[in-house]
Amino acid sequence: MKIKLFVLFIMAITLAGCATSSFYHLEPKEFDEIDYGFTVKKVQVRNINVAVVDEGEGETTLLLVHGLGSYIKGWKKNIPELSKRFRVIAVDLPGYGKSDKEAYPYSLSFYAQVLTELLDKMGVEKAVFVGHSMGGQISMITALNYPDKVEKLVLISPAGFERFTDGEGEWFKDVMTEELVFDTPIRSIDVNLRSNFYDTPDDALFMVTDRIQIKGAKDFRKYCYAVSRNVGAMIDEPTWDKLDQIQQPALILFGENDQLIPNRFLHGGFTKDIAELGRKGIKDNVTMVFGECGHFVQFEKSDETNNAIIEFVEK
């Protein structure tokens, strides 16, 4: 029944897609050709070229970790403001953006290892990990596995609070295949992007155009492989049952109208209830739920997010 509902949903968003005709005439681009609006450099970690943006300076370093399918550019409304007070390092995880894409393990523990070694390479003893969605779950795994490297946590619409049964997890992994990601039509890319927001801002449409343009990139299939493996990684390394083991102070931010958390195909529910799991689970935390806001909190409520992070980090 769940598979039937999922297929019907995919058909619906394909038919309802409202992408403008201009989307169909975009020139293909390689990942390295996408303009981030910031200077990007690459740091070699474990023979992997990891793309980073390194802005600002200060005693405190923020490490910005994106979510599933995303990239550094998703932080474009946060880096300029936060870098006025802190050193801000935003990273393209291996498999994404301008970083290398190969058949890496793509587990959350793999990413935690890469990020801690990246900090060492960049001369950072410890950092405030700011993670969005999957990046939030990676940040929690890092805090658990390498507590000395994580000063504080900022968890924005984090994956990892929501509990999946074994059956739900296996279904999710079976559905989110490399081929599904690879074959996503243009109209669905547009609709999928809009599902991240309560009210999609016009200046977020670069997420659609960039995603369409990289469909022609030589490493696009490797990116699709990373996305599909990461879905399995989030299921296979849950953090909902380890929240009470997190010792670092945490700032938890959710949008009340998040359409992605909780997963509406598997068990539905309300985002505020997922946020409450985090509030009760992590010992030392500040939890905020923004009204009229979807999954991409740091973009849709950028001013509120930046202010909340600054106050939390400087406290």
Protein backbone atom coordinates (compact mmCIF):
# COMPACT_ATOMS: atom_id res chain seq x y z
CA MET A 1 0.00 0.00 0.00
CA LYS A 2 2.82 2.41 0.90
CA ILE A 3 4.60 1.72 -2.38
CA LYS A 4 1.36 2.40 -4.27
CA LEU A 5 0.90 5.70 -2.42
CA PHE A 6 4.48 6.70 -3.14
CA VAL A 7 4.11 5.92 -6.86
CA LEU A 8 0.87 7.92 -6.98
CA PHE A 9 2.64 10.84 -5.31
CA ILE A 10 5.50 10.75 -7.82
CA MET A 11 2.96 10.72 -10.66
CA ALA A 12 1.07 13.62 -9.09
CA ILE A 13 4.07 15.90 -8.69
CA THR A 14 5.21 15.03 -12.21
CA LEU A 15 1.85 16.02 -13.67
CA ALA A 16 1.49 19.04 -11.41
CA GLY A 17 5.01 20.33 -11.98
CA CYS A 18 5.00 24.05 -12.61
CA ALA A 19 8.53 24.56 -13.86
CA THR A 20 8.69 27.36 -16.38
CA SER A 21 9.61 26.60 -19.97
CA SER A 22 12.97 28.29 -19.43
CA PHE A 23 14.04 25.38 -17.22
CA TYR A 24 14.02 23.14 -20.29
CA HIS A 25 16.58 25.26 -22.11
CA LEU A 26 19.29 25.50 -19.47
CA GLU A 27 22.79 24.61 -20.57
CA PRO A 28 24.36 21.62 -18.79
CA LYS A 29 27.18 22.44 -16.38
CA GLU A 30 29.86 20.53 -14.55
CA PHE A 31 29.71 20.74 -10.75
CA ASP A 32 32.80 22.96 -10.68
CA GLU A 33 31.13 25.40 -13.08
CA ILE A 34 28.28 26.25 -10.67
CA ASP A 35 28.79 29.73 -9.23
CA TYR A 36 28.57 29.69 -5.43
CA GLY A 37 29.09 33.42 -4.97
CA PHE A 38 32.03 32.70 -2.62
CA THR A 39 35.64 31.72 -3.12
CA VAL A 40 35.88 27.92 -3.05
CA LYS A 41 39.05 26.05 -2.22
CA LYS A 42 39.76 22.34 -1.93
CA VAL A 43 41.37 20.58 1.00
CA GLN A 44 42.65 17.04 0.58
CA VAL A 45 41.40 14.65 3.25
CA ARG A 46 42.06 10.91 2.83
CA ASN A 47 42.91 11.50 -0.83
CA ILE A 48 39.51 13.17 -1.25
CA ASN A 49 39.39 16.75 -2.50
CA VAL A 50 36.84 18.38 -0.21
CA ALA A 51 35.44 21.74 -1.36
CA VAL A 52 35.09 24.42 1.30
CA VAL A 53 34.22 28.07 1.66
CA ASP A 54 36.26 29.70 4.43
CA GLU A 55 35.04 33.17 5.44
CA GLY A 56 35.54 35.46 8.41
CA GLU A 57 37.74 35.07 11.45
CA GLY A 58 37.45 34.81 15.20
CA GLU A 59 38.11 32.58 18.16
CA THR A 60 35.07 30.44 17.35
CA THR A 61 34.71 28.42 14.15
CA LEU A 62 31.37 27.34 12.73
CA LEU A 63 31.34 24.30 10.44
CA LEU A 64 28.27 24.33 8.17
CA VAL A 65 27.17 20.86 7.05
CA HIS A 66 24.48 20.62 4.35
CA GLY A 67 21.71 18.07 3.97
CA LEU A 68 20.80 15.31 1.54
CA GLY A 69 21.20 16.38 -2.07
CA SER A 70 22.33 19.88 -1.10
CA TYR A 71 25.58 21.87 -1.20
CA ILE A 72 27.42 24.89 0.18
CA LYS A 73 25.28 27.34 -1.77
CA GLY A 74 22.29 26.50 0.43
CA TRP A 75 24.00 28.60 3.14
CA LYS A 76 24.25 31.74 0.98
CA LYS A 77 22.00 33.74 3.35
CA ASN A 78 23.95 32.70 6.44
CA ILE A 79 27.66 32.82 5.57
CA PRO A 80 27.89 36.61 5.07
CA GLU A 81 26.20 37.48 8.37
CA LEU A 82 27.78 34.77 10.51
CA SER A 83 31.26 35.46 9.14
CA LYS A 84 31.08 38.98 10.59
CA ARG A 85 31.52 37.42 14.05
CA PHE A 86 33.03 33.98 13.51
CA ARG A 87 35.24 31.99 11.22
CA VAL A 88 32.78 30.13 9.03
CA ILE A 89 33.72 27.00 7.12
CA ALA A 90 31.02 25.60 4.82
CA VAL A 91 31.69 22.21 3.28
CA ASP A 92 30.53 20.19 0.29
CA LEU A 93 30.40 16.66 1.66
CA PRO A 94 32.18 14.01 -0.46
CA GLY A 95 29.76 13.01 -3.22
CA TYR A 96 28.25 16.50 -3.43
CA GLY A 97 28.86 19.86 -5.04
CA LYS A 98 32.47 20.53 -5.96
CA SER A 99 33.92 17.74 -3.77
CA ASP A 100 35.17 14.44 -5.18
CA LYS A 101 32.63 11.75 -6.01
CA GLU A 102 33.65 8.10 -5.92
CA ALA A 103 32.44 4.85 -4.37
CA TYR A 104 33.13 5.99 -0.81
CA PRO A 105 31.47 4.29 2.19
CA TYR A 106 28.99 7.22 2.48
CA SER A 107 28.05 6.27 6.03
CA LEU A 108 27.43 9.02 8.56
CA SER A 109 30.45 7.79 10.52
CA PHE A 110 32.54 8.17 7.35
CA TYR A 111 31.43 11.79 7.06
CA ALA A 112 32.18 12.38 10.76
CA GLN A 113 35.72 11.11 10.22
CA VAL A 114 36.22 13.26 7.13
CA LEU A 115 34.93 16.39 8.88
CA THR A 116 37.11 15.98 11.96
CA GLU A 117 40.17 15.38 9.77
CA LEU A 118 39.19 18.38 7.65
CA LEU A 119 39.20 20.57 10.76
CA ASP A 120 42.66 19.27 11.65
CA LYS A 121 43.92 20.07 8.15
CA MET A 122 42.53 23.60 8.46
CA GLY A 123 44.09 24.17 11.87
CA VAL A 124 40.82 24.11 13.83
CA GLU A 125 40.93 22.39 17.24
CA LYS A 126 37.14 22.25 17.65
CA ALA A 127 34.11 23.83 16.02
CA VAL A 128 30.45 24.56 16.46
CA PHE A 129 28.80 22.09 14.08
CA VAL A 130 25.84 23.65 12.25
CA GLY A 131 24.00 20.88 10.44
CA HIS A 132 20.88 21.02 8.27
CA SER A 133 18.69 17.93 7.84
CA MET A 134 21.09 15.00 7.16
CA GLY A 135 23.87 17.38 8.15
CA GLY A 136 22.25 17.62 11.57
CA GLN A 137 22.37 13.85 11.99
CA ILE A 138 26.01 13.81 10.81
CA SER A 139 26.77 16.52 13.37
CA MET A 140 25.21 14.44 16.15
CA ILE A 141 27.20 11.37 15.08
CA THR A 142 30.35 13.50 15.17
CA ALA A 143 29.48 14.80 18.63
CA LEU A 144 29.04 11.23 19.86
CA ASN A 145 32.12 9.76 18.15
CA TYR A 146 34.49 12.72 18.46
CA PRO A 147 33.22 14.82 21.37
CA ASP A 148 36.48 16.77 21.70
CA LYS A 149 36.02 18.19 18.16
CA VAL A 150 32.48 19.51 18.71
CA GLU A 151 32.09 22.61 20.88
CA LYS A 152 28.34 23.07 20.39
CA LEU A 153 25.63 21.81 18.05
CA VAL A 154 23.20 23.80 15.93
CA LEU A 155 20.66 21.35 14.53
CA ILE A 156 18.44 22.80 11.79
CA SER A 157 15.51 20.56 10.77
CA PRO A 158 17.72 17.64 11.76
CA ALA A 159 17.25 14.11 10.59
CA GLY A 160 17.85 11.63 13.39
CA PHE A 161 15.12 12.58 15.89
CA GLU A 162 12.45 10.70 13.96
CA ARG A 163 12.19 6.98 14.65
CA PHE A 164 11.73 4.46 11.82
CA THR A 165 10.77 0.85 12.33
CA ASP A 166 12.85 -1.81 10.61
CA GLY A 167 10.14 -2.24 7.99
CA GLU A 168 9.84 1.48 7.33
CA GLY A 169 13.59 1.83 7.02
CA GLU A 170 13.92 -1.03 4.55
CA TRP A 171 11.03 0.34 2.46
CA PHE A 172 12.61 3.78 2.36
CA LYS A 173 15.98 2.37 1.26
CA ASP A 174 14.35 0.19 -1.40
CA VAL A 175 12.47 3.14 -2.90
CA MET A 176 15.25 5.75 -2.86
CA THR A 177 17.47 4.17 -5.48
CA GLU A 178 20.24 5.66 -7.58
CA GLU A 179 18.00 5.26 -10.64
CA LEU A 180 15.13 7.17 -9.02
CA VAL A 181 17.43 10.10 -8.31
CA PHE A 182 19.02 9.92 -11.76
CA ASP A 183 15.70 9.82 -13.63
CA THR A 184 13.94 12.63 -11.73
CA PRO A 185 12.23 14.76 -14.41
CA ILE A 186 12.60 18.53 -14.55
CA ARG A 187 9.01 19.19 -13.44
CA SER A 188 9.54 17.02 -10.36
CA ILE A 189 12.80 18.78 -9.52
CA ASP A 190 10.85 22.04 -9.33
CA VAL A 191 8.09 20.56 -7.16
CA ASN A 192 10.58 18.76 -4.91
CA LEU A 193 12.38 22.06 -4.32
CA ARG A 194 9.17 23.81 -3.40
CA SER A 195 8.36 21.10 -0.86
CA ASN A 196 11.31 22.41 1.20
CA PHE A 197 9.52 25.71 1.84
CA TYR A 198 6.31 27.02 3.33
CA ASP A 199 6.29 29.79 0.72
CA THR A 200 9.09 29.33 -1.82
CA PRO A 201 11.06 32.60 -2.15
CA ASP A 202 12.02 33.66 -5.66
CA ASP A 203 15.68 33.82 -4.70
CA ALA A 204 15.66 30.10 -3.90
CA LEU A 205 15.03 29.07 -7.51
CA PHE A 206 18.78 28.72 -8.11
CA MET A 207 18.38 25.39 -6.33
CA VAL A 208 16.20 24.25 -9.22
CA THR A 209 18.36 25.64 -12.02
CA ASP A 210 21.61 24.33 -10.51
CA ARG A 211 20.08 20.87 -10.02
CA ILE A 212 18.82 20.79 -13.61
CA GLN A 213 22.14 21.92 -15.03
CA ILE A 214 24.22 19.28 -13.22
CA LYS A 215 22.08 16.56 -14.82
CA GLY A 216 24.54 16.89 -17.70
CA ALA A 217 27.67 16.73 -15.54
CA LYS A 218 30.07 13.84 -16.09
CA ASP A 219 29.91 12.94 -12.37
CA PHE A 220 26.14 13.27 -12.04
CA ARG A 221 25.53 9.53 -11.69
CA LYS A 222 28.15 9.39 -8.93
CA TYR A 223 26.22 12.15 -7.15
CA CYS A 224 23.01 10.10 -7.51
CA TYR A 225 24.81 7.11 -6.02
CA ALA A 226 25.88 9.20 -3.02
CA VAL A 227 22.32 10.46 -2.44
CA SER A 228 20.85 6.95 -2.53
CA ARG A 229 23.53 5.57 -0.21
CA ASN A 230 23.04 8.46 2.21
CA VAL A 231 19.35 7.61 2.60
CA GLY A 232 20.41 4.17 3.76
CA ALA A 233 23.08 5.69 6.01
CA MET A 234 20.53 7.81 7.89
CA ILE A 235 18.41 4.71 8.47
CA ASP A 236 21.37 2.50 9.45
CA GLU A 237 22.94 4.93 11.95
CA PRO A 238 19.99 6.26 13.97
CA THR A 239 20.53 8.88 16.64
CA TRP A 240 17.04 9.07 18.16
CA ASP A 241 18.06 6.46 20.75
CA LYS A 242 21.32 8.26 21.63
CA LEU A 243 20.11 11.81 22.21
CA ASP A 244 20.64 11.54 25.97
CA GLN A 245 24.31 10.72 25.34
CA ILE A 246 24.99 14.07 23.66
CA GLN A 247 26.94 16.23 26.09
CA GLN A 248 27.35 19.39 24.01
CA PRO A 249 24.87 22.28 24.27
CA ALA A 250 22.50 22.26 21.31
CA LEU A 251 20.35 24.78 19.50
CA ILE A 252 17.45 23.03 17.75
CA LEU A 253 15.57 24.88 14.99
CA PHE A 254 12.54 23.58 13.10
CA GLY A 255 9.95 25.04 10.77
CA GLU A 256 6.41 24.33 11.94
CA ASN A 257 5.30 23.58 8.36
CA ASP A 258 8.11 21.17 7.47
CA GLN A 259 6.78 18.79 4.78
CA LEU A 260 9.74 16.40 5.01
CA ILE A 261 10.02 15.78 8.76
CA PRO A 262 8.22 13.67 9.86
CA ASN A 263 8.12 11.44 6.78
CA ARG A 264 4.58 11.77 5.47
CA PHE A 265 4.69 8.55 3.42
CA LEU A 266 5.57 6.27 6.33
CA HIS A 267 3.84 7.53 9.45
CA GLY A 268 3.01 11.22 9.17
CA GLY A 269 2.49 13.35 12.26
CA PHE A 270 3.51 16.89 13.23
CA THR A 271 6.93 18.54 13.08
CA LYS A 272 6.46 20.09 16.51
CA ASP A 273 6.28 16.58 17.98
CA ILE A 274 9.61 15.66 16.38
CA ALA A 275 11.13 18.87 17.75
CA GLU A 276 9.82 17.90 21.18
CA LEU A 277 11.69 14.58 20.98
CA GLY A 278 14.91 16.55 20.59
CA ARG A 279 14.02 18.97 23.36
CA LYS A 280 13.38 16.12 25.78
CA GLY A 281 16.27 13.96 24.59
CA ILE A 282 19.28 16.30 24.54
CA LYS A 283 20.18 17.38 28.05
CA ASP A 284 21.29 20.94 27.38
CA ASN A 285 19.35 22.57 24.55
CA VAL A 286 17.37 25.54 23.32
CA THR A 287 14.55 24.55 20.95
CA MET A 288 12.76 26.96 18.61
CA VAL A 289 9.96 26.23 16.11
CA PHE A 290 9.30 28.94 13.54
CA GLY A 291 5.78 29.46 12.22
CA GLU A 292 5.09 29.74 8.47
CA CYS A 293 8.36 27.99 7.73
CA GLY A 294 9.27 24.76 5.99
CA HIS A 295 12.28 22.43 5.99
CA PHE A 296 14.90 24.91 4.72
CA VAL A 297 14.78 27.03 7.86
CA GLN A 298 18.15 28.73 7.35
CA PHE A 299 16.98 30.11 4.01
CA GLU A 300 13.30 30.83 4.59
CA LYS A 301 13.89 32.35 8.05
CA SER A 302 17.48 33.43 7.53
CA ASP A 303 17.45 36.51 9.78
CA GLU A 304 15.86 34.61 12.64
CA THR A 305 18.26 31.70 12.15
CA ASN A 306 21.36 33.91 12.04
CA ASN A 307 20.28 35.81 15.15
CA ALA A 308 19.51 32.62 17.04
CA ILE A 309 22.89 31.10 16.12
CA ILE A 310 24.80 34.25 17.12
CA GLU A 311 23.05 34.48 20.48
CA PHE A 312 23.51 30.76 21.17
CA VAL A 313 27.18 30.64 20.21
CA GLU A 314 28.12 33.81 22.10
CA LYS A 315 26.23 32.83 25.25
